[in-house]
C-alpha atoms as a PDB file:
ATOM      1  CA  MET A   1      78.637 118.851  81.236  1.00  0.00           C
ATOM      2  CA  GLU A   2      80.958 117.995  84.182  1.00  0.00           C
ATOM      3  CA  VAL A   3      83.150 115.029  83.828  1.00  0.00           C
ATOM      4  CA  SER A   4      82.838 112.194  86.743  1.00  0.00           C
ATOM      5  CA  HIS A   5      85.936 112.247  89.177  1.00  0.00           C
ATOM      6  CA  THR A   6      85.658 108.454  88.767  1.00  0.00           C
ATOM      7  CA  ILE A   7      86.327 108.760  84.988  1.00  0.00           C
ATOM      8  CA  THR A   8      89.093 111.667  85.375  1.00  0.00           C
ATOM      9  CA  ASN A   9      90.824 109.088  87.722  1.00  0.00           C
ATOM     10  CA  LEU A  10      90.510 106.331  85.458  1.00  0.00           C
ATOM     11  CA  ILE A  11      92.172 108.394  82.714  1.00  0.00           C
ATOM     12  CA  ILE A  12      95.111 109.649  84.520  1.00  0.00           C
ATOM     13  CA  PHE A  13      95.420 105.991  85.923  1.00  0.00           C
ATOM     14  CA  VAL A  14      95.686 104.457  82.174  1.00  0.00           C
ATOM     15  CA  LEU A  15      97.885 106.958  81.456  1.00  0.00           C
ATOM     16  CA  ALA A  16     100.176 106.668  84.258  1.00  0.00           C
ATOM     17  CA  ILE A  17     100.261 102.765  83.137  1.00  0.00           C
ATOM     18  CA  TYR A  18     101.040 103.963  79.654  1.00  0.00           C
ATOM     19  CA  VAL A  19     103.934 106.576  80.644  1.00  0.00           C
ATOM     20  CA  GLY A  20     105.533 103.776  83.344  1.00  0.00           C
ATOM     21  CA  TYR A  21     105.782 100.750  80.972  1.00  0.00           C
ATOM     22  CA  HIS A  22     107.443 102.947  77.868  1.00  0.00           C
ATOM     23  CA  VAL A  23     109.888 104.815  80.582  1.00  0.00           C
ATOM     24  CA  VAL A  24     110.959 101.518  81.903  1.00  0.00           C
ATOM     25  CA  TRP A  25     111.334  99.491  79.032  1.00  0.00           C
ATOM     26  CA  THR A  26     113.545 102.133  77.290  1.00  0.00           C
ATOM     27  CA  VAL A  27     116.287 102.552  80.371  1.00  0.00           C
ATOM     28  CA  THR A  28     119.878 100.858  79.544  1.00  0.00           C
ATOM     29  CA  PRO A  29     120.873  98.245  82.248  1.00  0.00           C
ATOM     30  CA  ALA A  30     123.439 101.029  83.359  1.00  0.00           C
ATOM     31  CA  LEU A  31     120.869 102.916  84.479  1.00  0.00           C
ATOM     32  CA  HIS A  32     118.738 100.370  86.146  1.00  0.00           C
ATOM     33  CA  THR A  33     120.306 100.903  89.546  1.00  0.00           C
ATOM     34  CA  PRO A  34     119.785 104.675  89.703  1.00  0.00           C
ATOM     35  CA  LEU A  35     116.007 103.935  88.460  1.00  0.00           C
ATOM     36  CA  MET A  36     115.411 101.744  91.239  1.00  0.00           C
ATOM     37  CA  ALA A  37     116.497 104.142  93.689  1.00  0.00           C
ATOM     38  CA  VAL A  38     114.179 106.733  91.995  1.00  0.00           C
ATOM     39  CA  THR A  39     111.199 104.605  92.084  1.00  0.00           C
ATOM     40  CA  ASN A  40     112.178 103.452  95.949  1.00  0.00           C
ATOM     41  CA  ALA A  41     111.591 107.432  96.607  1.00  0.00           C
ATOM     42  CA  ILE A  42     108.371 107.700  94.176  1.00  0.00           C
ATOM     43  CA  SER A  43     107.188 104.696  96.138  1.00  0.00           C
ATOM     44  CA  ALA A  44     107.628 106.480  99.442  1.00  0.00           C
ATOM     45  CA  ILE A  45     105.118 109.098  98.271  1.00  0.00           C
ATOM     46  CA  VAL A  46     102.905 106.738  97.236  1.00  0.00           C
ATOM     47  CA  ILE A  47     102.589 105.405 100.653  1.00  0.00           C
ATOM     48  CA  VAL A  48     102.363 109.226 102.263  1.00  0.00           C
ATOM     49  CA  GLY A  49      99.518 109.623  99.611  1.00  0.00           C
ATOM     50  CA  ALA A  50      97.863 106.070 100.498  1.00  0.00           C
ATOM     51  CA  MET A  51      97.674 107.268 103.860  1.00  0.00           C
ATOM     52  CA  LEU A  52      96.301 110.598 103.387  1.00  0.00           C
ATOM     53  CA  ALA A  53      93.647 109.467 100.967  1.00  0.00           C
ATOM     54  CA  ALA A  54      92.439 106.422 103.143  1.00  0.00           C
ATOM     55  CA  ALA A  55      92.071 108.970 106.040  1.00  0.00           C
ATOM     56  CA  GLN A  56      89.786 110.909 104.454  1.00  0.00           C
ATOM     57  CA  THR A  57      87.566 108.624 103.432  1.00  0.00           C
ATOM     58  CA  GLU A  58      83.709 107.869 105.324  1.00  0.00           C
ATOM     59  CA  THR A  59      83.637 104.419 103.604  1.00  0.00           C
ATOM     60  CA  LEU A  60      84.835 100.975 104.695  1.00  0.00           C
ATOM     61  CA  ALA A  61      86.018 100.027 101.281  1.00  0.00           C
ATOM     62  CA  GLY A  62      87.622 103.502 100.624  1.00  0.00           C
ATOM     63  CA  ARG A  63      89.503 102.587 103.952  1.00  0.00           C
ATOM     64  CA  THR A  64      89.991  98.978 102.858  1.00  0.00           C
ATOM     65  CA  MET A  65      91.618 100.135  99.482  1.00  0.00           C
ATOM     66  CA  GLY A  66      93.634 102.772 101.127  1.00  0.00           C
ATOM     67  CA  VAL A  67      95.117 100.120 103.828  1.00  0.00           C
ATOM     68  CA  LEU A  68      95.637  97.994 100.566  1.00  0.00           C
ATOM     69  CA  ALA A  69      97.625 100.378  98.596  1.00  0.00           C
ATOM     70  CA  VAL A  70     100.095 101.326 101.525  1.00  0.00           C
ATOM     71  CA  ALA A  71     100.614  97.339 101.823  1.00  0.00           C
ATOM     72  CA  LEU A  72     101.132  97.149  98.399  1.00  0.00           C
ATOM     73  CA  ALA A  73     103.845 100.307  98.153  1.00  0.00           C
ATOM     74  CA  ALA A  74     105.370  98.950 101.608  1.00  0.00           C
ATOM     75  CA  VAL A  75     106.053  95.502  99.731  1.00  0.00           C
ATOM     76  CA  ASN A  76     107.427  97.698  96.423  1.00  0.00           C
ATOM     77  CA  ILE A  77     109.709  99.559  98.524  1.00  0.00           C
ATOM     78  CA  PHE A  78     111.110  96.692 100.223  1.00  0.00           C
ATOM     79  CA  GLY A  79     111.787  94.333  97.334  1.00  0.00           C
ATOM     80  CA  GLY A  80     112.846  97.525  95.328  1.00  0.00           C
ATOM     81  CA  PHE A  81     115.607  98.179  98.369  1.00  0.00           C
ATOM     82  CA  LEU A  82     116.464  94.314  98.123  1.00  0.00           C
ATOM     83  CA  VAL A  83     116.884  94.144  94.195  1.00  0.00           C
ATOM     84  CA  THR A  84     119.190  97.240  94.280  1.00  0.00           C
ATOM     85  CA  ARG A  85     121.263  95.911  97.083  1.00  0.00           C
ATOM     86  CA  ARG A  86     121.587  92.719  95.340  1.00  0.00           C
ATOM     87  CA  MET A  87     122.373  94.644  92.310  1.00  0.00           C
ATOM     88  CA  LEU A  88     125.263  96.725  93.547  1.00  0.00           C
ATOM     89  CA  GLU A  89     126.916  93.518  95.424  1.00  0.00           C
ATOM     90  CA  MET A  90     127.131  91.784  91.958  1.00  0.00           C
ATOM     91  CA  PHE A  91     129.664  94.717  91.327  1.00  0.00           C
ATOM     92  CA  ARG A  92     131.619  94.580  94.676  1.00  0.00           C
ATOM     93  CA  LYS A  93     135.528  93.514  94.104  1.00  0.00           C
ATOM     94  CA  LYS A  94     135.509  89.622  95.359  1.00  0.00           C
ATOM     95  CA  GLU A  95     138.179  89.312  98.173  1.00  0.00           C
ATOM     96  CA  LYS A  96     140.628  86.534  97.082  1.00  0.00           C
ATOM     97  CA  LYS A  97     140.651  83.676  99.603  1.00  0.00           C
ATOM     98  CA  ALA A  98     144.151  82.795 101.145  1.00  0.00           C
ATOM     99  CA  PRO A  99     145.124  79.518  99.636  1.00  0.00           C
ATOM    100  CA  ALA A 100     143.983  76.464 101.959  1.00  0.00           C
ATOM    101  CA  ALA A 101     146.609  74.903 104.049  1.00  0.00           C
ATOM    102  CA  ASP A 102     148.390  71.762 103.209  1.00  0.00           C
ATOM    103  CA  LYS A 103     146.229  68.780 105.162  1.00  0.00           C
ATOM    104  CA  GLY A 104     148.704  66.362 104.397  1.00  0.00           C
ATOM    105  CA  ALA A 105     151.445  68.187 105.945  1.00  0.00           C
ATOM    106  CA  ALA A 106     149.646  68.297 109.567  1.00  0.00           C
ATOM    107  CA  GLN A 107     149.436  64.742 109.955  1.00  0.00           C
END
């Protein structure tokens, strides 16, 4: 008895969601920024895989899903870099502002 490729792919997809959920929610806040950098790299791999999958399909629905996968992975990468940048800015030392000149002395 041979199992359909669709069923196999669906099982892999559900397991990836389950494992991903548990991995992300057990991360300590101190490791969040390095984890974001790794997920950006994984999303880059997803884009390459989506482009290869879209190029090999013969139907319009397959190509449409491939283009959608590429677009969503690109949004994920862009958003991940924005979040990582904002988080890193929180850890930078803020420069002290110079005291403002006394306005009353100028008049």
